PDB file of N, CA and C in Angstrom:
ATOM      1  N   MET A   1     -51.460  13.588  15.045  1.00  0.00           N
ATOM      2  CA  MET A   1     -51.855  15.244  14.384  1.00  0.00           C
ATOM      3  C   MET A   1     -52.387  16.240  15.285  1.00  0.00           C
ATOM      4  N   ILE A   2     -52.291  17.205  15.428  1.00  0.00           N
ATOM      5  CA  ILE A   2     -53.253  18.309  16.131  1.00  0.00           C
ATOM      6  C   ILE A   2     -54.079  19.179  15.355  1.00  0.00           C
ATOM      7  N   ASP A   3     -55.548  18.907  16.092  1.00  0.00           N
ATOM      8  CA  ASP A   3     -56.250  19.555  15.217  1.00  0.00           C
ATOM      9  C   ASP A   3     -56.548  21.162  15.925  1.00  0.00           C
ATOM     10  N   ALA A   4     -57.563  21.708  15.351  1.00  0.00           N
ATOM     11  CA  ALA A   4     -57.736  23.232  15.596  1.00  0.00           C
ATOM     12  C   ALA A   4     -58.406  23.180  16.907  1.00  0.00           C
ATOM     13  N   ALA A   5     -59.097  22.160  17.702  1.00  0.00           N
ATOM     14  CA  ALA A   5     -59.765  22.333  18.845  1.00  0.00           C
ATOM     15  C   ALA A   5     -58.707  21.729  20.112  1.00  0.00           C
ATOM     16  N   ASP A   6     -57.868  21.094  19.776  1.00  0.00           N
ATOM     17  CA  ASP A   6     -56.544  20.720  20.777  1.00  0.00           C
ATOM     18  C   ASP A   6     -55.697  21.891  20.992  1.00  0.00           C
ATOM     19  N   ARG A   7     -55.430  22.666  19.447  1.00  0.00           N
ATOM     20  CA  ARG A   7     -54.624  23.879  19.695  1.00  0.00           C
ATOM     21  C   ARG A   7     -55.464  25.086  20.530  1.00  0.00           C
ATOM     22  N   ALA A   8     -56.655  24.846  20.231  1.00  0.00           N
ATOM     23  CA  ALA A   8     -57.372  25.886  21.225  1.00  0.00           C
ATOM     24  C   ALA A   8     -57.339  25.562  22.603  1.00  0.00           C
ATOM     25  N   ALA A   9     -57.352  24.197  22.964  1.00  0.00           N
ATOM     26  CA  ALA A   9     -57.642  23.777  24.283  1.00  0.00           C
ATOM     27  C   ALA A   9     -55.928  24.297  25.069  1.00  0.00           C
ATOM     28  N   ALA A  10     -54.801  23.994  24.010  1.00  0.00           N
ATOM     29  CA  ALA A  10     -53.690  24.075  24.397  1.00  0.00           C
ATOM     30  C   ALA A  10     -53.289  25.728  24.732  1.00  0.00           C
ATOM     31  N   ASP A  11     -53.755  26.529  23.716  1.00  0.00           N
ATOM     32  CA  ASP A  11     -53.983  28.125  24.058  1.00  0.00           C
ATOM     33  C   ASP A  11     -54.714  28.587  25.157  1.00  0.00           C
ATOM     34  N   GLU A  12     -56.078  27.665  25.381  1.00  0.00           N
ATOM     35  CA  GLU A  12     -56.442  28.292  26.639  1.00  0.00           C
ATOM     36  C   GLU A  12     -55.883  28.077  28.072  1.00  0.00           C
ATOM     37  N   ALA A  13     -55.574  26.907  27.759  1.00  0.00           N
ATOM     38  CA  ALA A  13     -54.472  26.447  29.221  1.00  0.00           C
ATOM     39  C   ALA A  13     -53.033  27.132  29.431  1.00  0.00           C
ATOM     40  N   ARG A  14     -52.706  27.493  28.347  1.00  0.00           N
ATOM     41  CA  ARG A  14     -51.427  28.680  28.448  1.00  0.00           C
ATOM     42  C   ARG A  14     -51.960  29.948  28.623  1.00  0.00           C
ATOM     43  N   ALA A  15     -53.145  30.324  28.445  1.00  0.00           N
ATOM     44  CA  ALA A  15     -53.546  31.533  28.868  1.00  0.00           C
ATOM     45  C   ALA A  15     -53.915  31.820  30.081  1.00  0.00           C
ATOM     46  N   TRP A  16     -54.315  30.474  30.766  1.00  0.00           N
ATOM     47  CA  TRP A  16     -54.806  30.665  32.001  1.00  0.00           C
ATOM     48  C   TRP A  16     -53.513  30.558  32.884  1.00  0.00           C
ATOM     49  N   GLU A  17     -52.651  29.690  32.624  1.00  0.00           N
ATOM     50  CA  GLU A  17     -51.484  29.718  33.415  1.00  0.00           C
ATOM     51  C   GLU A  17     -50.982  30.985  33.305  1.00  0.00           C
ATOM     52  N   VAL A  18     -50.401  31.775  32.448  1.00  0.00           N
ATOM     53  CA  VAL A  18     -50.288  33.336  32.364  1.00  0.00           C
ATOM     54  C   VAL A  18     -50.873  34.178  33.055  1.00  0.00           C
ATOM     55  N   PHE A  19     -52.054  34.092  33.142  1.00  0.00           N
ATOM     56  CA  PHE A  19     -52.994  34.890  34.139  1.00  0.00           C
ATOM     57  C   PHE A  19     -52.743  34.858  35.147  1.00  0.00           C
ATOM     58  N   GLN A  20     -52.714  33.436  35.669  1.00  0.00           N
ATOM     59  CA  GLN A  20     -52.322  33.089  37.109  1.00  0.00           C
ATOM     60  C   GLN A  20     -50.993  33.417  37.362  1.00  0.00           C
ATOM     61  N   GLN A  21     -50.264  33.532  37.194  1.00  0.00           N
ATOM     62  CA  GLN A  21     -48.700  34.092  37.188  1.00  0.00           C
ATOM     63  C   GLN A  21     -48.713  35.285  37.196  1.00  0.00           C
ATOM     64  N   GLY A  22     -49.647  36.108  36.283  1.00  0.00           N
ATOM     65  CA  GLY A  22     -49.687  37.205  36.542  1.00  0.00           C
ATOM     66  C   GLY A  22     -50.051  37.785  38.003  1.00  0.00           C
ATOM     67  N   ARG A  23     -50.931  37.072  38.318  1.00  0.00           N
ATOM     68  CA  ARG A  23     -52.045  37.402  39.022  1.00  0.00           C
ATOM     69  C   ARG A  23     -51.445  37.266  40.708  1.00  0.00           C
ATOM     70  N   ALA A  24     -50.369  35.998  40.734  1.00  0.00           N
ATOM     71  CA  ALA A  24     -49.657  35.756  41.971  1.00  0.00           C
ATOM     72  C   ALA A  24     -48.462  37.058  42.102  1.00  0.00           C
ATOM     73  N   GLN A  25     -47.908  37.231  41.013  1.00  0.00           N
ATOM     74  CA  GLN A  25     -47.286  38.208  41.166  1.00  0.00           C
ATOM     75  C   GLN A  25     -47.691  39.435  41.577  1.00  0.00           C
ATOM     76  N   GLN A  26     -48.605  40.411  40.955  1.00  0.00           N
ATOM     77  CA  GLN A  26     -49.609  41.174  41.432  1.00  0.00           C
ATOM     78  C   GLN A  26     -49.590  41.289  42.854  1.00  0.00           C
ATOM     79  N   GLU A  27     -50.015  40.255  43.472  1.00  0.00           N
ATOM     80  CA  GLU A  27     -50.631  40.390  44.529  1.00  0.00           C
ATOM     81  C   GLU A  27     -49.528  40.353  45.590  1.00  0.00           C
ATOM     82  N   ALA A  28     -48.399  39.793  45.113  1.00  0.00           N
ATOM     83  CA  ALA A  28     -46.694  39.869  45.733  1.00  0.00           C
ATOM     84  C   ALA A  28     -46.408  40.804  45.912  1.00  0.00           C
ATOM     85  N   VAL A  29     -46.543  41.831  45.201  1.00  0.00           N
ATOM     86  CA  VAL A  29     -46.080  43.439  45.154  1.00  0.00           C
ATOM     87  C   VAL A  29     -47.237  44.449  44.811  1.00  0.00           C
ATOM     88  N   ALA A  30     -48.314  44.016  45.290  1.00  0.00           N
ATOM     89  CA  ALA A  30     -49.595  44.994  45.336  1.00  0.00           C
ATOM     90  C   ALA A  30     -49.559  45.621  46.533  1.00  0.00           C
ATOM     91  N   PRO A  31     -49.825  46.937  46.281  1.00  0.00           N
ATOM     92  CA  PRO A  31     -49.904  48.245  47.248  1.00  0.00           C
ATOM     93  C   PRO A  31     -50.856  47.744  48.655  1.00  0.00           C
ATOM     94  N   GLU A  32     -51.154  48.125  49.580  1.00  0.00           N
ATOM     95  CA  GLU A  32     -52.135  48.136  50.413  1.00  0.00           C
ATOM     96  C   GLU A  32     -52.840  49.009  50.036  1.00  0.00           C
ATOM     97  N   HIS A  33     -52.601  50.183  49.450  1.00  0.00           N
ATOM     98  CA  HIS A  33     -53.771  50.752  49.031  1.00  0.00           C
ATOM     99  C   HIS A  33     -53.580  51.426  47.714  1.00  0.00           C
ATOM    100  N   ARG A  34     -54.269  52.062  46.877  1.00  0.00           N
ATOM    101  CA  ARG A  34     -53.959  52.869  45.898  1.00  0.00           C
ATOM    102  C   ARG A  34     -55.141  53.874  45.785  1.00  0.00           C
ATOM    103  N   ASP A  35     -54.704  55.214  44.824  1.00  0.00           N
ATOM    104  CA  ASP A  35     -55.795  56.244  44.890  1.00  0.00           C
ATOM    105  C   ASP A  35     -56.633  56.012  43.483  1.00  0.00           C
ATOM    106  N   CYS A  36     -57.628  56.143  43.424  1.00  0.00           N
ATOM    107  CA  CYS A  36     -58.482  56.371  42.219  1.00  0.00           C
ATOM    108  C   CYS A  36     -58.038  57.393  40.974  1.00  0.00           C
ATOM    109  N   LEU A  37     -57.997  57.045  40.162  1.00  0.00           N
ATOM    110  CA  LEU A  37     -57.060  57.932  39.021  1.00  0.00           C
ATOM    111  C   LEU A  37     -58.391  58.760  38.718  1.00  0.00           C
ATOM    112  N   ASP A  38     -59.498  58.986  39.049  1.00  0.00           N
ATOM    113  CA  ASP A  38     -60.339  59.632  38.378  1.00  0.00           C
ATOM    114  C   ASP A  38     -60.545  60.683  39.723  1.00  0.00           C
ATOM    115  N   CYS A  39     -61.177  60.251  40.831  1.00  0.00           N
ATOM    116  CA  CYS A  39     -61.553  60.771  42.231  1.00  0.00           C
ATOM    117  C   CYS A  39     -60.448  61.445  42.932  1.00  0.00           C
ATOM    118  N   GLY A  40     -59.312  60.636  43.241  1.00  0.00           N
ATOM    119  CA  GLY A  40     -58.436  60.658  44.309  1.00  0.00           C
ATOM    120  C   GLY A  40     -58.638  59.868  45.422  1.00  0.00           C
ATOM    121  N   GLU A  41     -59.959  59.362  45.906  1.00  0.00           N
ATOM    122  CA  GLU A  41     -60.160  58.407  46.825  1.00  0.00           C
ATOM    123  C   GLU A  41     -59.494  57.155  46.931  1.00  0.00           C
ATOM    124  N   SER A  42     -59.509  56.416  48.120  1.00  0.00           N
ATOM    125  CA  SER A  42     -58.480  55.312  48.316  1.00  0.00           C
ATOM    126  C   SER A  42     -59.518  54.200  47.839  1.00  0.00           C
ATOM    127  N   ILE A  43     -58.973  53.467  46.927  1.00  0.00           N
ATOM    128  CA  ILE A  43     -59.615  52.168  46.127  1.00  0.00           C
ATOM    129  C   ILE A  43     -59.378  50.708  47.355  1.00  0.00           C
ATOM    130  N   PRO A  44     -60.820  50.625  47.672  1.00  0.00           N
ATOM    131  CA  PRO A  44     -60.710  49.681  48.789  1.00  0.00           C
ATOM    132  C   PRO A  44     -59.527  48.495  48.606  1.00  0.00           C
ATOM    133  N   SER A  45     -59.223  47.848  49.254  1.00  0.00           N
ATOM    134  CA  SER A  45     -58.430  46.652  49.274  1.00  0.00           C
ATOM    135  C   SER A  45     -59.127  45.555  48.693  1.00  0.00           C
ATOM    136  N   GLN A  46     -60.353  45.392  49.214  1.00  0.00           N
ATOM    137  CA  GLN A  46     -61.239  44.019  48.181  1.00  0.00           C
ATOM    138  C   GLN A  46     -61.363  44.460  47.009  1.00  0.00           C
ATOM    139  N   ARG A  47     -61.300  45.485  46.461  1.00  0.00           N
ATOM    140  CA  ARG A  47     -61.170  45.429  44.921  1.00  0.00           C
ATOM    141  C   ARG A  47     -59.911  45.541  44.236  1.00  0.00           C
ATOM    142  N   LEU A  48     -58.884  45.770  44.914  1.00  0.00           N
ATOM    143  CA  LEU A  48     -57.619  45.381  44.360  1.00  0.00           C
ATOM    144  C   LEU A  48     -57.174  44.261  44.522  1.00  0.00           C
ATOM    145  N   ARG A  49     -57.922  43.546  45.429  1.00  0.00           N
ATOM    146  CA  ARG A  49     -57.353  42.055  45.424  1.00  0.00           C
ATOM    147  C   ARG A  49     -58.662  41.603  44.109  1.00  0.00           C
ATOM    148  N   THR A  50     -59.540  41.795  43.953  1.00  0.00           N
ATOM    149  CA  THR A  50     -60.287  41.508  42.672  1.00  0.00           C
ATOM    150  C   THR A  50     -60.019  41.833  41.642  1.00  0.00           C
ATOM    151  N   VAL A  51     -59.432  42.740  41.473  1.00  0.00           N
ATOM    152  CA  VAL A  51     -59.004  43.562  40.231  1.00  0.00           C
ATOM    153  C   VAL A  51     -57.659  44.241  40.510  1.00  0.00           C
ATOM    154  N   PRO A  52     -56.571  43.394  40.569  1.00  0.00           N
ATOM    155  CA  PRO A  52     -55.162  43.972  40.959  1.00  0.00           C
ATOM    156  C   PRO A  52     -54.671  45.243  40.201  1.00  0.00           C
ATOM    157  N   ARG A  53     -55.099  45.079  38.848  1.00  0.00           N
ATOM    158  CA  ARG A  53     -54.533  46.143  38.320  1.00  0.00           C
ATOM    159  C   ARG A  53     -55.565  47.710  37.942  1.00  0.00           C
ATOM    160  N   THR A  54     -56.477  47.465  38.332  1.00  0.00           N
ATOM    161  CA  THR A  54     -57.562  48.583  38.489  1.00  0.00           C
ATOM    162  C   THR A  54     -56.779  49.993  38.894  1.00  0.00           C
ATOM    163  N   ARG A  55     -57.296  51.074  38.162  1.00  0.00           N
ATOM    164  CA  ARG A  55     -56.950  52.698  38.709  1.00  0.00           C
ATOM    165  C   ARG A  55     -57.670  53.150  39.248  1.00  0.00           C
ATOM    166  N   ARG A  56     -59.319  52.549  39.069  1.00  0.00           N
ATOM    167  CA  ARG A  56     -60.363  53.326  39.432  1.00  0.00           C
ATOM    168  C   ARG A  56     -61.230  52.631  40.423  1.00  0.00           C
ATOM    169  N   CYS A  57     -62.021  53.235  41.541  1.00  0.00           N
ATOM    170  CA  CYS A  57     -62.873  52.925  42.470  1.00  0.00           C
ATOM    171  C   CYS A  57     -63.882  52.299  41.758  1.00  0.00           C
ATOM    172  N   GLN A  58     -64.770  51.540  42.619  1.00  0.00           N
ATOM    173  CA  GLN A  58     -65.993  50.880  41.827  1.00  0.00           C
ATOM    174  C   GLN A  58     -67.267  52.269  41.234  1.00  0.00           C
ATOM    175  N   PRO A  59     -67.069  52.832  41.732  1.00  0.00           N
ATOM    176  CA  PRO A  59     -68.121  54.246  41.322  1.00  0.00           C
ATOM    177  C   PRO A  59     -67.592  54.828  40.426  1.00  0.00           C
ATOM    178  N   CYS A  60     -66.563  55.337  40.366  1.00  0.00           N
ATOM    179  CA  CYS A  60     -65.913  55.613  39.040  1.00  0.00           C
ATOM    180  C   CYS A  60     -65.763  54.853  37.819  1.00  0.00           C
ATOM    181  N   ALA A  61     -65.406  53.447  38.279  1.00  0.00           N
ATOM    182  CA  ALA A  61     -65.483  52.782  36.777  1.00  0.00           C
ATOM    183  C   ALA A  61     -66.890  52.305  36.404  1.00  0.00           C
ATOM    184  N   ASN A  62     -67.653  52.414  37.407  1.00  0.00           N
ATOM    185  CA  ASN A  62     -68.957  52.288  36.445  1.00  0.00           C
ATOM    186  C   ASN A  62     -69.793  53.456  35.636  1.00  0.00           C
ATOM    187  N   GLU A  63     -68.867  54.778  36.207  1.00  0.00           N
ATOM    188  CA  GLU A  63     -69.498  56.025  35.448  1.00  0.00           C
ATOM    189  C   GLU A  63     -68.672  55.843  33.965  1.00  0.00           C
ATOM    190  N   VAL A  64     -67.342  55.283  34.042  1.00  0.00           N
ATOM    191  CA  VAL A  64     -66.582  55.282  32.772  1.00  0.00           C
ATOM    192  C   VAL A  64     -67.440  53.852  32.035  1.00  0.00           C
ATOM    193  N   GLU A  65     -67.763  53.251  32.365  1.00  0.00           N
ATOM    194  CA  GLU A  65     -68.497  51.937  31.462  1.00  0.00           C
ATOM    195  C   GLU A  65     -69.712  52.631  30.963  1.00  0.00           C
ATOM    196  N   ARG A  66     -70.808  53.388  31.719  1.00  0.00           N
ATOM    197  CA  ARG A  66     -71.612  53.629  31.389  1.00  0.00           C
ATOM    198  C   ARG A  66     -71.781  54.763  30.346  1.00  0.00           C
ATOM    199  N   ARG A  67     -70.298  55.569  29.924  1.00  0.00           N
ATOM    200  CA  ARG A  67     -70.157  56.102  28.877  1.00  0.00           C
ATOM    201  C   ARG A  67     -70.330  55.506  27.403  1.00  0.00           C
TER     202      ARG A  67
END
């Protein structure tokens, strides 16, 4: 019999697996650079590797979070 804790652990493991697959796919097709949605400056490659789907550079992302 599967209890709620077992189900939660399985869900968490599956979510992690999906996250890793998505990240691997994104890294395989990630552009070398991308321009920031707000200021138009190039987003540093380190930020793109860390947050592959980001559309903002760090200063603009910080500004959005402060709002």
